[in-house]
Amino acid sequence: MPVADKHGRFPAIEYARASLARNLIRDRKTVGLTQQRLADLAGLRQETIARMEAGKHTASVATVQKIDRAIESERKRLAQRKAK
C-alpha cells in the first residue's frame, strides 16, 4: 500500500492500484487460477495480469470487466462441480 501523507491521506491512483491488485490476487487464488489461465480465460496477456497484480498498471474498465467475468465463470464452474 502507498504511504499516507502527514494528514493520513493516501494518493488516490496508487491506492486504487494497490487495492485492485490485492483483490485480484485474492480472487484469482480463491478459484485456483494461475495468472496464465486467468489471462487465457479473460482474453488478455499474462503480462497484463502480472502488472496489475504488482500494482504497476492501471487497468481500463473493460479489462477489469473481462477479468471479473472470467473469475465469476470459474466460480460457477467450481460450484457446479461441487454440486455433483
Protein backbone atom coordinates (compact mmCIF):
# COMPACT_ATOMS: atom_id res chain seq x y z
CA MET A 1 0.00 0.00 0.00
CA PRO A 2 1.19 3.54 -0.65
CA VAL A 3 2.39 5.71 2.19
CA ALA A 4 -0.04 8.24 3.65
CA ASP A 5 0.84 11.92 3.80
CA LYS A 6 1.11 13.81 7.09
CA HIS A 7 -2.69 14.18 7.16
CA GLY A 8 -3.29 10.45 6.74
CA ARG A 9 -4.39 10.73 3.12
CA PHE A 10 -3.27 8.24 0.50
CA PRO A 11 -2.53 9.08 -3.15
CA ALA A 12 -5.75 8.03 -4.91
CA ILE A 13 -4.33 6.33 -8.01
CA GLU A 14 -1.66 4.39 -6.15
CA TYR A 15 -4.18 3.34 -3.50
CA ALA A 16 -6.65 2.20 -6.17
CA ARG A 17 -3.94 0.19 -7.95
CA ALA A 18 -2.84 -1.48 -4.71
CA SER A 19 -6.41 -2.24 -3.69
CA LEU A 20 -7.25 -3.71 -7.10
CA ALA A 21 -4.04 -5.76 -7.02
CA ARG A 22 -4.83 -7.26 -3.62
CA ASN A 23 -8.40 -8.12 -4.64
CA LEU A 24 -7.29 -9.60 -7.95
CA ILE A 25 -4.69 -11.84 -6.32
CA ARG A 26 -7.16 -12.97 -3.65
CA ASP A 27 -9.96 -13.70 -6.13
CA ARG A 28 -7.68 -15.45 -8.63
CA LYS A 29 -6.20 -17.71 -5.96
CA THR A 30 -9.61 -18.41 -4.40
CA VAL A 31 -10.76 -20.06 -7.62
CA GLY A 32 -7.40 -21.74 -8.17
CA LEU A 33 -6.32 -19.96 -11.34
CA THR A 34 -2.79 -19.19 -12.39
CA GLN A 35 -2.06 -15.82 -13.96
CA GLN A 36 -1.72 -17.55 -17.33
CA ARG A 37 -5.03 -19.42 -17.06
CA LEU A 38 -6.86 -16.26 -15.95
CA ALA A 39 -5.32 -14.36 -18.85
CA ASP A 40 -6.43 -17.09 -21.27
CA LEU A 41 -10.00 -17.06 -19.91
CA ALA A 42 -10.18 -13.26 -20.00
CA GLY A 43 -8.59 -12.91 -23.44
CA LEU A 44 -5.62 -10.97 -22.07
CA ARG A 45 -1.87 -11.42 -21.90
CA GLN A 46 -0.34 -12.94 -18.77
CA GLU A 47 1.91 -9.89 -18.53
CA THR A 48 -1.18 -7.69 -18.13
CA ILE A 49 -2.34 -9.75 -15.14
CA ALA A 50 1.18 -9.68 -13.64
CA ARG A 51 1.47 -5.90 -13.98
CA MET A 52 -1.97 -5.40 -12.43
CA GLU A 53 -1.13 -7.70 -9.51
CA ALA A 54 2.13 -5.81 -8.97
CA GLY A 55 0.21 -2.52 -8.86
CA LYS A 56 2.18 -1.19 -11.83
CA HIS A 57 -0.68 -0.91 -14.29
CA THR A 58 -3.95 0.99 -14.20
CA ALA A 59 -6.42 -1.23 -15.99
CA SER A 60 -9.26 0.04 -18.10
CA VAL A 61 -12.84 -0.68 -17.09
CA ALA A 62 -13.10 -3.11 -20.00
CA THR A 63 -10.05 -5.06 -18.80
CA VAL A 64 -11.37 -5.27 -15.25
CA GLN A 65 -14.73 -6.47 -16.58
CA LYS A 66 -13.05 -9.21 -18.63
CA ILE A 67 -11.16 -10.40 -15.57
CA ASP A 68 -14.27 -10.25 -13.40
CA ARG A 69 -16.28 -12.28 -15.92
CA ALA A 70 -13.53 -14.89 -16.14
CA ILE A 71 -13.28 -15.27 -12.35
CA GLU A 72 -17.07 -15.42 -11.95
CA SER A 73 -17.29 -18.03 -14.68
CA GLU A 74 -14.67 -20.12 -12.88
CA ARG A 75 -16.54 -19.72 -9.58
CA LYS A 76 -19.73 -21.01 -11.20
CA ARG A 77 -17.88 -23.91 -12.81
CA LEU A 78 -16.40 -24.90 -9.45
CA ALA A 79 -19.79 -24.61 -7.73
CA GLN A 80 -21.41 -26.84 -10.35
CA ARG A 81 -18.64 -29.39 -9.97
CA LYS A 82 -19.11 -29.39 -6.19
CA ALA A 83 -22.87 -29.86 -6.51
CA LYS A 84 -22.45 -33.10 -8.46
